[in-house]
Full PDB file with SEQRES, HELIX, SHEET, SSBOND, CRYST1, ORIGX, SCALE, CONECT and MASTER records, all heavy atoms in Angstrom:
SEQRES   1 A   40  ARG THR ALA GLY ASN THR TYR TYR ALA GLU SER VAL LYS          
SEQRES   2 A   40  GLY ARG PHE THR ILE ALA ARG ASP ASN ALA LYS ASN THR          
SEQRES   3 A   40  VAL TYR LEU GLN MET ASN SER LEU LYS ALA GLU ASP THR          
SEQRES   4 A   40  GLY                                                          
HELIX    1 AA1 ALA A   36  ASP A   38  5                                   3    
SHEET    1 AA1 2 PHE A  16  ASP A  21  0                                        
SHEET    2 AA1 2 THR A  26  MET A  31 -1                                        
CRYST1    1.000    1.000    1.000  90.00  90.00  90.00 P 1           1          
ORIGX1      1.000000  0.000000  0.000000        0.00000                         
ORIGX2      0.000000  1.000000  0.000000        0.00000                         
ORIGX3      0.000000  0.000000  1.000000        0.00000                         
SCALE1      1.000000  0.000000  0.000000        0.00000                         
SCALE2      0.000000  1.000000  0.000000        0.00000                         
SCALE3      0.000000  0.000000  1.000000        0.00000                         
ATOM      1  N   ARG A   1     114.215 127.470 138.050  1.00  0.00           N  
ATOM      2  CA  ARG A   1     112.751 127.475 137.729  1.00  0.00           C  
ATOM      3  C   ARG A   1     112.117 128.777 138.105  1.00  0.00           C  
ATOM      4  O   ARG A   1     111.155 129.148 137.521  1.00  0.00           O  
ATOM      5  CB  ARG A   1     112.090 126.406 138.634  1.00  0.00           C  
ATOM      6  CG  ARG A   1     112.390 126.442 140.098  1.00  0.00           C  
ATOM      7  CD  ARG A   1     111.867 125.183 140.798  1.00  0.00           C  
ATOM      8  NE  ARG A   1     110.347 125.302 140.890  1.00  0.00           N  
ATOM      9  CZ  ARG A   1     109.579 124.271 141.280  1.00  0.00           C  
ATOM     10  NH1 ARG A   1     110.183 123.108 141.534  1.00  0.00           N  
ATOM     11  NH2 ARG A   1     108.301 124.392 141.418  1.00  0.00           N  
ATOM     12  N   THR A   2     112.751 129.570 139.021  1.00  0.00           N  
ATOM     13  CA  THR A   2     112.182 130.864 139.326  1.00  0.00           C  
ATOM     14  C   THR A   2     112.669 131.990 138.420  1.00  0.00           C  
ATOM     15  O   THR A   2     112.344 133.167 138.531  1.00  0.00           O  
ATOM     16  CB  THR A   2     112.460 131.246 140.778  1.00  0.00           C  
ATOM     17  OG1 THR A   2     113.927 131.361 140.927  1.00  0.00           O  
ATOM     18  CG2 THR A   2     111.977 130.244 141.724  1.00  0.00           C  
ATOM     19  N   ALA A   3     113.712 131.623 137.517  1.00  0.00           N  
ATOM     20  CA  ALA A   3     114.454 132.561 136.644  1.00  0.00           C  
ATOM     21  C   ALA A   3     115.290 133.584 137.417  1.00  0.00           C  
ATOM     22  O   ALA A   3     115.803 134.515 136.946  1.00  0.00           O  
ATOM     23  CB  ALA A   3     113.441 133.324 135.796  1.00  0.00           C  
ATOM     24  N   GLY A   4     115.339 133.370 138.786  1.00  0.00           N  
ATOM     25  CA  GLY A   4     116.133 134.259 139.537  1.00  0.00           C  
ATOM     26  C   GLY A   4     117.576 133.957 139.538  1.00  0.00           C  
ATOM     27  O   GLY A   4     118.398 134.769 140.047  1.00  0.00           O  
ATOM     28  N   ASN A   5     117.926 132.864 138.984  1.00  0.00           N  
ATOM     29  CA  ASN A   5     119.310 132.453 139.015  1.00  0.00           C  
ATOM     30  C   ASN A   5     119.726 131.818 137.606  1.00  0.00           C  
ATOM     31  O   ASN A   5     119.007 130.974 137.113  1.00  0.00           O  
ATOM     32  CB  ASN A   5     119.530 131.347 140.167  1.00  0.00           C  
ATOM     33  CG  ASN A   5     120.920 130.821 140.188  1.00  0.00           C  
ATOM     34  OD1 ASN A   5     121.332 129.898 139.604  1.00  0.00           O  
ATOM     35  ND2 ASN A   5     121.676 131.633 141.014  1.00  0.00           N  
ATOM     36  N   THR A   6     120.817 132.309 137.100  1.00  0.00           N  
ATOM     37  CA  THR A   6     121.402 131.691 135.901  1.00  0.00           C  
ATOM     38  C   THR A   6     122.841 131.381 136.181  1.00  0.00           C  
ATOM     39  O   THR A   6     123.491 131.919 137.112  1.00  0.00           O  
ATOM     40  CB  THR A   6     121.373 132.765 134.698  1.00  0.00           C  
ATOM     41  OG1 THR A   6     121.990 133.946 135.175  1.00  0.00           O  
ATOM     42  CG2 THR A   6     119.955 132.970 134.250  1.00  0.00           C  
ATOM     43  N   TYR A   7     123.302 130.406 135.459  1.00  0.00           N  
ATOM     44  CA  TYR A   7     124.673 129.872 135.673  1.00  0.00           C  
ATOM     45  C   TYR A   7     125.240 129.533 134.317  1.00  0.00           C  
ATOM     46  O   TYR A   7     124.517 128.936 133.498  1.00  0.00           O  
ATOM     47  CB  TYR A   7     124.626 128.665 136.573  1.00  0.00           C  
ATOM     48  CG  TYR A   7     125.991 128.146 136.984  1.00  0.00           C  
ATOM     49  CD1 TYR A   7     126.750 128.837 137.922  1.00  0.00           C  
ATOM     50  CD2 TYR A   7     126.450 126.926 136.454  1.00  0.00           C  
ATOM     51  CE1 TYR A   7     127.974 128.409 138.269  1.00  0.00           C  
ATOM     52  CE2 TYR A   7     127.659 126.455 136.850  1.00  0.00           C  
ATOM     53  CZ  TYR A   7     128.413 127.158 137.757  1.00  0.00           C  
ATOM     54  OH  TYR A   7     129.649 126.712 138.160  1.00  0.00           O  
ATOM     55  N   TYR A   8     126.485 129.924 134.064  1.00  0.00           N  
ATOM     56  CA  TYR A   8     127.090 129.793 132.771  1.00  0.00           C  
ATOM     57  C   TYR A   8     128.453 129.040 132.873  1.00  0.00           C  
ATOM     58  O   TYR A   8     129.158 129.225 133.791  1.00  0.00           O  
ATOM     59  CB  TYR A   8     127.238 131.107 132.049  1.00  0.00           C  
ATOM     60  CG  TYR A   8     126.014 131.915 131.848  1.00  0.00           C  
ATOM     61  CD1 TYR A   8     125.550 132.831 132.743  1.00  0.00           C  
ATOM     62  CD2 TYR A   8     125.239 131.615 130.674  1.00  0.00           C  
ATOM     63  CE1 TYR A   8     124.354 133.478 132.543  1.00  0.00           C  
ATOM     64  CE2 TYR A   8     124.027 132.322 130.462  1.00  0.00           C  
ATOM     65  CZ  TYR A   8     123.601 133.260 131.402  1.00  0.00           C  
ATOM     66  OH  TYR A   8     122.409 133.900 131.174  1.00  0.00           O  
ATOM     67  N   ALA A   9     128.780 128.382 131.760  1.00  0.00           N  
ATOM     68  CA  ALA A   9     130.183 127.910 131.654  1.00  0.00           C  
ATOM     69  C   ALA A   9     131.074 129.091 131.428  1.00  0.00           C  
ATOM     70  O   ALA A   9     130.756 130.079 130.857  1.00  0.00           O  
ATOM     71  CB  ALA A   9     130.245 126.965 130.387  1.00  0.00           C  
ATOM     72  N   GLU A  10     132.285 128.957 131.898  1.00  0.00           N  
ATOM     73  CA  GLU A  10     133.292 130.023 131.851  1.00  0.00           C  
ATOM     74  C   GLU A  10     133.517 130.435 130.397  1.00  0.00           C  
ATOM     75  O   GLU A  10     133.739 131.597 130.073  1.00  0.00           O  
ATOM     76  CB  GLU A  10     134.559 129.618 132.489  1.00  0.00           C  
ATOM     77  CG  GLU A  10     134.521 129.606 133.985  1.00  0.00           C  
ATOM     78  CD  GLU A  10     134.302 130.964 134.539  1.00  0.00           C  
ATOM     79  OE1 GLU A  10     134.815 132.002 133.991  1.00  0.00           O  
ATOM     80  OE2 GLU A  10     133.560 131.116 135.541  1.00  0.00           O  
ATOM     81  N   SER A  11     133.403 129.476 129.539  1.00  0.00           N  
ATOM     82  CA  SER A  11     133.787 129.698 128.104  1.00  0.00           C  
ATOM     83  C   SER A  11     132.711 130.618 127.393  1.00  0.00           C  
ATOM     84  O   SER A  11     133.068 131.161 126.285  1.00  0.00           O  
ATOM     85  CB  SER A  11     133.855 128.442 127.290  1.00  0.00           C  
ATOM     86  OG  SER A  11     132.595 127.675 127.359  1.00  0.00           O  
ATOM     87  N   VAL A  12     131.531 130.804 127.900  1.00  0.00           N  
ATOM     88  CA  VAL A  12     130.534 131.646 127.299  1.00  0.00           C  
ATOM     89  C   VAL A  12     129.996 132.740 128.168  1.00  0.00           C  
ATOM     90  O   VAL A  12     129.308 133.642 127.707  1.00  0.00           O  
ATOM     91  CB  VAL A  12     129.232 130.700 126.954  1.00  0.00           C  
ATOM     92  CG1 VAL A  12     129.652 129.519 126.112  1.00  0.00           C  
ATOM     93  CG2 VAL A  12     128.432 130.347 128.207  1.00  0.00           C  
ATOM     94  N   LYS A  13     130.592 132.821 129.419  1.00  0.00           N  
ATOM     95  CA  LYS A  13     130.172 133.924 130.295  1.00  0.00           C  
ATOM     96  C   LYS A  13     130.478 135.294 129.728  1.00  0.00           C  
ATOM     97  O   LYS A  13     131.601 135.496 129.164  1.00  0.00           O  
ATOM     98  CB  LYS A  13     130.876 133.687 131.631  1.00  0.00           C  
ATOM     99  CG  LYS A  13     130.263 134.475 132.810  1.00  0.00           C  
ATOM    100  CD  LYS A  13     130.977 134.125 134.087  1.00  0.00           C  
ATOM    101  CE  LYS A  13     130.729 132.623 134.507  1.00  0.00           C  
ATOM    102  NZ  LYS A  13     131.255 132.368 135.843  1.00  0.00           N  
ATOM    103  N   GLY A  14     129.502 136.139 129.717  1.00  0.00           N  
ATOM    104  CA  GLY A  14     129.641 137.456 129.153  1.00  0.00           C  
ATOM    105  C   GLY A  14     129.249 137.546 127.686  1.00  0.00           C  
ATOM    106  O   GLY A  14     129.143 138.662 127.138  1.00  0.00           O  
ATOM    107  N   ARG A  15     129.139 136.405 127.056  1.00  0.00           N  
ATOM    108  CA  ARG A  15     128.742 136.376 125.633  1.00  0.00           C  
ATOM    109  C   ARG A  15     127.294 135.822 125.459  1.00  0.00           C  
ATOM    110  O   ARG A  15     126.524 136.266 124.524  1.00  0.00           O  
ATOM    111  CB  ARG A  15     129.710 135.587 124.845  1.00  0.00           C  
ATOM    112  CG  ARG A  15     131.171 136.094 124.848  1.00  0.00           C  
ATOM    113  CD  ARG A  15     132.056 135.393 123.854  1.00  0.00           C  
ATOM    114  NE  ARG A  15     132.175 133.888 124.156  1.00  0.00           N  
ATOM    115  CZ  ARG A  15     131.842 132.977 123.371  1.00  0.00           C  
ATOM    116  NH1 ARG A  15     131.346 133.206 122.120  1.00  0.00           N  
ATOM    117  NH2 ARG A  15     131.945 131.686 123.712  1.00  0.00           N  
ATOM    118  N   PHE A  16     126.943 134.826 126.246  1.00  0.00           N  
ATOM    119  CA  PHE A  16     125.670 134.143 126.109  1.00  0.00           C  
ATOM    120  C   PHE A  16     124.774 134.562 127.255  1.00  0.00           C  
ATOM    121  O   PHE A  16     125.263 134.777 128.406  1.00  0.00           O  
ATOM    122  CB  PHE A  16     125.817 132.651 126.197  1.00  0.00           C  
ATOM    123  CG  PHE A  16     126.488 131.982 124.939  1.00  0.00           C  
ATOM    124  CD1 PHE A  16     127.123 132.806 123.975  1.00  0.00           C  
ATOM    125  CD2 PHE A  16     126.542 130.665 124.778  1.00  0.00           C  
ATOM    126  CE1 PHE A  16     127.760 132.221 122.863  1.00  0.00           C  
ATOM    127  CE2 PHE A  16     127.126 130.124 123.690  1.00  0.00           C  
ATOM    128  CZ  PHE A  16     127.750 130.901 122.785  1.00  0.00           C  
ATOM    129  N   THR A  17     123.468 134.634 126.987  1.00  0.00           N  
ATOM    130  CA  THR A  17     122.440 134.956 128.021  1.00  0.00           C  
ATOM    131  C   THR A  17     121.287 134.065 127.832  1.00  0.00           C  
ATOM    132  O   THR A  17     120.759 133.868 126.704  1.00  0.00           O  
ATOM    133  CB  THR A  17     121.976 136.425 127.875  1.00  0.00           C  
ATOM    134  OG1 THR A  17     123.125 137.290 127.921  1.00  0.00           O  
ATOM    135  CG2 THR A  17     121.066 136.802 128.988  1.00  0.00           C  
ATOM    136  N   ILE A  18     120.840 133.517 129.010  1.00  0.00           N  
ATOM    137  CA  ILE A  18     119.593 132.714 129.007  1.00  0.00           C  
ATOM    138  C   ILE A  18     118.497 133.482 129.635  1.00  0.00           C  
ATOM    139  O   ILE A  18     118.669 134.157 130.708  1.00  0.00           O  
ATOM    140  CB  ILE A  18     119.897 131.362 129.792  1.00  0.00           C  
ATOM    141  CG1 ILE A  18     120.960 130.547 129.130  1.00  0.00           C  
ATOM    142  CG2 ILE A  18     118.601 130.611 129.943  1.00  0.00           C  
ATOM    143  CD1 ILE A  18     121.334 129.332 129.809  1.00  0.00           C  
ATOM    144  N   ALA A  19     117.323 133.280 129.006  1.00  0.00           N  
ATOM    145  CA  ALA A  19     116.147 133.844 129.603  1.00  0.00           C  
ATOM    146  C   ALA A  19     114.949 132.939 129.406  1.00  0.00           C  
ATOM    147  O   ALA A  19     115.025 132.049 128.443  1.00  0.00           O  
ATOM    148  CB  ALA A  19     115.795 135.221 128.886  1.00  0.00           C  
ATOM    149  N   ARG A  20     113.941 133.058 130.150  1.00  0.00           N  
ATOM    150  CA  ARG A  20     112.797 132.137 129.984  1.00  0.00           C  
ATOM    151  C   ARG A  20     111.532 133.020 129.997  1.00  0.00           C  
ATOM    152  O   ARG A  20     111.413 134.116 130.672  1.00  0.00           O  
ATOM    153  CB  ARG A  20     112.658 131.135 131.107  1.00  0.00           C  
ATOM    154  CG  ARG A  20     112.496 131.649 132.509  1.00  0.00           C  
ATOM    155  CD  ARG A  20     112.668 130.511 133.535  1.00  0.00           C  
ATOM    156  NE  ARG A  20     111.620 129.468 133.391  1.00  0.00           N  
ATOM    157  CZ  ARG A  20     111.726 128.295 133.871  1.00  0.00           C  
ATOM    158  NH1 ARG A  20     112.798 127.904 134.606  1.00  0.00           N  
ATOM    159  NH2 ARG A  20     110.701 127.399 133.731  1.00  0.00           N  
ATOM    160  N   ASP A  21     110.478 132.526 129.284  1.00  0.00           N  
ATOM    161  CA  ASP A  21     109.197 133.200 129.241  1.00  0.00           C  
ATOM    162  C   ASP A  21     108.144 132.040 129.610  1.00  0.00           C  
ATOM    163  O   ASP A  21     107.784 131.253 128.804  1.00  0.00           O  
ATOM    164  CB  ASP A  21     108.922 133.694 127.791  1.00  0.00           C  
ATOM    165  CG  ASP A  21     107.593 134.538 127.797  1.00  0.00           C  
ATOM    166  OD1 ASP A  21     106.751 134.327 128.641  1.00  0.00           O  
ATOM    167  OD2 ASP A  21     107.403 135.337 126.852  1.00  0.00           O  
ATOM    168  N   ASN A  22     107.770 132.137 130.855  1.00  0.00           N  
ATOM    169  CA  ASN A  22     106.896 131.067 131.409  1.00  0.00           C  
ATOM    170  C   ASN A  22     105.502 131.141 130.687  1.00  0.00           C  
ATOM    171  O   ASN A  22     104.833 130.132 130.601  1.00  0.00           O  
ATOM    172  CB  ASN A  22     106.753 131.176 132.898  1.00  0.00           C  
ATOM    173  CG  ASN A  22     108.062 130.705 133.576  1.00  0.00           C  
ATOM    174  OD1 ASN A  22     108.899 130.040 132.951  1.00  0.00           O  
ATOM    175  ND2 ASN A  22     108.074 131.046 134.856  1.00  0.00           N  
ATOM    176  N   ALA A  23     105.120 132.344 130.248  1.00  0.00           N  
ATOM    177  CA  ALA A  23     103.807 132.387 129.568  1.00  0.00           C  
ATOM    178  C   ALA A  23     103.816 131.707 128.226  1.00  0.00           C  
ATOM    179  O   ALA A  23     102.748 131.339 127.710  1.00  0.00           O  
ATOM    180  CB  ALA A  23     103.424 133.895 129.390  1.00  0.00           C  
ATOM    181  N   LYS A  24     104.977 131.629 127.620  1.00  0.00           N  
ATOM    182  CA  LYS A  24     105.163 130.981 126.340  1.00  0.00           C  
ATOM    183  C   LYS A  24     105.729 129.553 126.341  1.00  0.00           C  
ATOM    184  O   LYS A  24     106.028 128.906 125.359  1.00  0.00           O  
ATOM    185  CB  LYS A  24     105.960 131.834 125.366  1.00  0.00           C  
ATOM    186  CG  LYS A  24     105.328 133.224 125.106  1.00  0.00           C  
ATOM    187  CD  LYS A  24     106.148 133.941 124.125  1.00  0.00           C  
ATOM    188  CE  LYS A  24     105.466 135.319 123.709  1.00  0.00           C  
ATOM    189  NZ  LYS A  24     106.281 136.108 122.786  1.00  0.00           N  
ATOM    190  N   ASN A  25     106.088 129.129 127.632  1.00  0.00           N  
ATOM    191  CA  ASN A  25     106.663 127.821 127.811  1.00  0.00           C  
ATOM    192  C   ASN A  25     107.973 127.726 126.947  1.00  0.00           C  
ATOM    193  O   ASN A  25     108.242 126.673 126.346  1.00  0.00           O  
ATOM    194  CB  ASN A  25     105.754 126.679 127.375  1.00  0.00           C  
ATOM    195  CG  ASN A  25     104.823 126.329 128.508  1.00  0.00           C  
ATOM    196  OD1 ASN A  25     104.536 127.174 129.403  1.00  0.00           O  
ATOM    197  ND2 ASN A  25     104.253 125.123 128.435  1.00  0.00           N  
ATOM    198  N   THR A  26     108.774 128.800 126.975  1.00  0.00           N  
ATOM    199  CA  THR A  26     109.958 128.858 126.128  1.00  0.00           C  
ATOM    200  C   THR A  26     111.095 129.386 126.890  1.00  0.00           C  
ATOM    201  O   THR A  26     111.001 130.310 127.720  1.00  0.00           O  
ATOM    202  CB  THR A  26     109.665 129.740 124.871  1.00  0.00           C  
ATOM    203  OG1 THR A  26     108.533 129.185 124.166  1.00  0.00           O  
ATOM    204  CG2 THR A  26     110.906 129.842 123.974  1.00  0.00           C  
ATOM    205  N   VAL A  27     112.256 128.818 126.587  1.00  0.00           N  
ATOM    206  CA  VAL A  27     113.527 129.257 127.123  1.00  0.00           C  
ATOM    207  C   VAL A  27     114.446 129.710 125.872  1.00  0.00           C  
ATOM    208  O   VAL A  27     114.388 129.099 124.834  1.00  0.00           O  
ATOM    209  CB  VAL A  27     114.244 128.296 127.983  1.00  0.00           C  
ATOM    210  CG1 VAL A  27     114.605 126.983 127.175  1.00  0.00           C  
ATOM    211  CG2 VAL A  27     115.496 128.846 128.628  1.00  0.00           C  
ATOM    212  N   TYR A  28     115.212 130.717 126.115  1.00  0.00           N  
ATOM    213  CA  TYR A  28     116.057 131.301 124.972  1.00  0.00           C  
ATOM    214  C   TYR A  28     117.517 131.227 125.382  1.00  0.00           C  
ATOM    215  O   TYR A  28     117.839 131.375 126.540  1.00  0.00           O  
ATOM    216  CB  TYR A  28     115.619 132.794 124.741  1.00  0.00           C  
ATOM    217  CG  TYR A  28     114.170 132.912 124.393  1.00  0.00           C  
ATOM    218  CD1 TYR A  28     113.256 133.318 125.398  1.00  0.00           C  
ATOM    219  CD2 TYR A  28     113.701 132.684 123.124  1.00  0.00           C  
ATOM    220  CE1 TYR A  28     111.899 133.467 125.086  1.00  0.00           C  
ATOM    221  CE2 TYR A  28     112.360 132.854 122.823  1.00  0.00           C  
ATOM    222  CZ  TYR A  28     111.460 133.242 123.835  1.00  0.00           C  
ATOM    223  OH  TYR A  28     110.079 133.384 123.530  1.00  0.00           O  
ATOM    224  N   LEU A  29     118.293 131.166 124.356  1.00  0.00           N  
ATOM    225  CA  LEU A  29     119.723 131.246 124.508  1.00  0.00           C  
ATOM    226  C   LEU A  29     120.207 132.329 123.484  1.00  0.00           C  
ATOM    227  O   LEU A  29     120.304 132.045 122.262  1.00  0.00           O  
ATOM    228  CB  LEU A  29     120.450 129.970 124.282  1.00  0.00           C  
ATOM    229  CG  LEU A  29     122.015 129.990 124.450  1.00  0.00           C  
ATOM    230  CD1 LEU A  29     122.401 130.351 125.868  1.00  0.00           C  
ATOM    231  CD2 LEU A  29     122.639 128.631 124.014  1.00  0.00           C  
ATOM    232  N   GLN A  30     120.564 133.508 124.009  1.00  0.00           N  
ATOM    233  CA  GLN A  30     121.112 134.527 123.107  1.00  0.00           C  
ATOM    234  C   GLN A  30     122.519 134.441 123.046  1.00  0.00           C  
ATOM    235  O   GLN A  30     123.285 134.499 124.154  1.00  0.00           O  
ATOM    236  CB  GLN A  30     120.662 135.967 123.700  1.00  0.00           C  
ATOM    237  CG  GLN A  30     121.227 137.060 122.903  1.00  0.00           C  
ATOM    238  CD  GLN A  30     120.686 137.136 121.461  1.00  0.00           C  
ATOM    239  OE1 GLN A  30     119.478 137.052 121.283  1.00  0.00           O  
ATOM    240  NE2 GLN A  30     121.527 137.411 120.508  1.00  0.00           N  
ATOM    241  N   MET A  31     123.092 134.295 121.884  1.00  0.00           N  
ATOM    242  CA  MET A  31     124.601 134.061 121.774  1.00  0.00           C  
ATOM    243  C   MET A  31     125.124 135.152 120.944  1.00  0.00           C  
ATOM    244  O   MET A  31     124.767 135.392 119.752  1.00  0.00           O  
ATOM    245  CB  MET A  31     124.813 132.712 121.012  1.00  0.00           C  
ATOM    246  CG  MET A  31     124.151 131.490 121.715  1.00  0.00           C  
ATOM    247  SD  MET A  31     124.602 129.964 120.983  1.00  0.00           S  
ATOM    248  CE  MET A  31     123.792 130.104 119.402  1.00  0.00           C  
ATOM    249  N   ASN A  32     126.041 135.950 121.585  1.00  0.00           N  
ATOM    250  CA  ASN A  32     126.690 137.081 120.926  1.00  0.00           C  
ATOM    251  C   ASN A  32     128.218 136.732 120.838  1.00  0.00           C  
ATOM    252  O   ASN A  32     128.700 135.882 121.574  1.00  0.00           O  
ATOM    253  CB  ASN A  32     126.453 138.342 121.717  1.00  0.00           C  
ATOM    254  CG  ASN A  32     124.985 138.689 121.850  1.00  0.00           C  
ATOM    255  OD1 ASN A  32     124.235 138.448 120.899  1.00  0.00           O  
ATOM    256  ND2 ASN A  32     124.627 139.343 122.911  1.00  0.00           N  
ATOM    257  N   SER A  33     128.890 137.528 119.979  1.00  0.00           N  
ATOM    258  CA  SER A  33     130.321 137.403 119.761  1.00  0.00           C  
ATOM    259  C   SER A  33     130.729 135.988 119.545  1.00  0.00           C  
ATOM    260  O   SER A  33     131.684 135.456 120.240  1.00  0.00           O  
ATOM    261  CB  SER A  33     131.066 138.003 121.012  1.00  0.00           C  
ATOM    262  OG  SER A  33     130.726 139.377 121.203  1.00  0.00           O  
ATOM    263  N   LEU A  34     130.044 135.289 118.704  1.00  0.00           N  
ATOM    264  CA  LEU A  34     130.298 133.903 118.485  1.00  0.00           C  
ATOM    265  C   LEU A  34     131.676 133.572 117.957  1.00  0.00           C  
ATOM    266  O   LEU A  34     132.212 134.394 117.156  1.00  0.00           O  
ATOM    267  CB  LEU A  34     129.172 133.288 117.551  1.00  0.00           C  
ATOM    268  CG  LEU A  34     127.899 133.087 118.199  1.00  0.00           C  
ATOM    269  CD1 LEU A  34     126.719 132.944 117.188  1.00  0.00           C  
ATOM    270  CD2 LEU A  34     127.955 131.801 119.071  1.00  0.00           C  
ATOM    271  N   LYS A  35     132.184 132.459 118.370  1.00  0.00           N  
ATOM    272  CA  LYS A  35     133.504 132.016 117.942  1.00  0.00           C  
ATOM    273  C   LYS A  35     133.450 130.705 117.222  1.00  0.00           C  
ATOM    274  O   LYS A  35     132.437 129.996 117.416  1.00  0.00           O  
ATOM    275  CB  LYS A  35     134.413 131.846 119.154  1.00  0.00           C  
ATOM    276  CG  LYS A  35     134.550 133.117 120.019  1.00  0.00           C  
ATOM    277  CD  LYS A  35     135.373 132.799 121.239  1.00  0.00           C  
ATOM    278  CE  LYS A  35     135.422 134.043 122.181  1.00  0.00           C  
ATOM    279  NZ  LYS A  35     136.145 133.784 123.387  1.00  0.00           N  
ATOM    280  N   ALA A  36     134.445 130.404 116.501  1.00  0.00           N  
ATOM    281  CA  ALA A  36     134.418 129.052 115.780  1.00  0.00           C  
ATOM    282  C   ALA A  36     134.229 127.895 116.783  1.00  0.00           C  
ATOM    283  O   ALA A  36     133.567 126.880 116.458  1.00  0.00           O  
ATOM    284  CB  ALA A  36     135.664 128.901 115.015  1.00  0.00           C  
ATOM    285  N   GLU A  37     134.934 128.055 117.936  1.00  0.00           N  
ATOM    286  CA  GLU A  37     134.794 126.957 118.962  1.00  0.00           C  
ATOM    287  C   GLU A  37     133.357 126.841 119.599  1.00  0.00           C  
ATOM    288  O   GLU A  37     133.111 125.883 120.334  1.00  0.00           O  
ATOM    289  CB  GLU A  37     135.796 127.148 120.001  1.00  0.00           C  
ATOM    290  CG  GLU A  37     135.803 128.487 120.638  1.00  0.00           C  
ATOM    291  CD  GLU A  37     136.903 129.399 119.999  1.00  0.00           C  
ATOM    292  OE1 GLU A  37     137.055 129.417 118.769  1.00  0.00           O  
ATOM    293  OE2 GLU A  37     137.604 130.168 120.833  1.00  0.00           O  
ATOM    294  N   ASP A  38     132.421 127.715 119.202  1.00  0.00           N  
ATOM    295  CA  ASP A  38     131.060 127.570 119.678  1.00  0.00           C  
ATOM    296  C   ASP A  38     130.299 126.570 118.756  1.00  0.00           C  
ATOM    297  O   ASP A  38     129.123 126.372 119.123  1.00  0.00           O  
ATOM    298  CB  ASP A  38     130.354 128.951 119.725  1.00  0.00           C  
ATOM    299  CG  ASP A  38     130.961 129.861 120.801  1.00  0.00           C  
ATOM    300  OD1 ASP A  38     131.262 129.299 121.887  1.00  0.00           O  
ATOM    301  OD2 ASP A  38     131.093 131.035 120.437  1.00  0.00           O  
ATOM    302  N   THR A  39     130.835 126.217 117.698  1.00  0.00           N  
ATOM    303  CA  THR A  39     130.171 125.289 116.756  1.00  0.00           C  
ATOM    304  C   THR A  39     129.788 124.004 117.363  1.00  0.00           C  
ATOM    305  O   THR A  39     130.655 123.395 118.146  1.00  0.00           O  
ATOM    306  CB  THR A  39     131.093 125.044 115.543  1.00  0.00           C  
ATOM    307  OG1 THR A  39     131.241 126.211 114.775  1.00  0.00           O  
ATOM    308  CG2 THR A  39     130.525 123.935 114.634  1.00  0.00           C  
ATOM    309  N   GLY A  40     128.602 123.508 117.160  1.00  0.00           N  
ATOM    310  CA  GLY A  40     128.147 122.263 117.635  1.00  0.00           C  
ATOM    311  C   GLY A  40     126.662 122.102 117.557  1.00  0.00           C  
ATOM    312  O   GLY A  40     125.976 123.014 117.129  1.00  0.00           O  
TER     313      GLY A  40                                                      
MASTER        0    0    0    1    2    0    0    6  312    1    0    4          
END                                                                             
């Protein structure tokens, strides 16, 4: 809730990044180096 802490599954660590913008009531998931197994 404070955005001071993020936690990732091992399978996406280093490729995915989560950020939040409290002014916009929005959370983002930036996904890079996508793999076929990321489908879903």
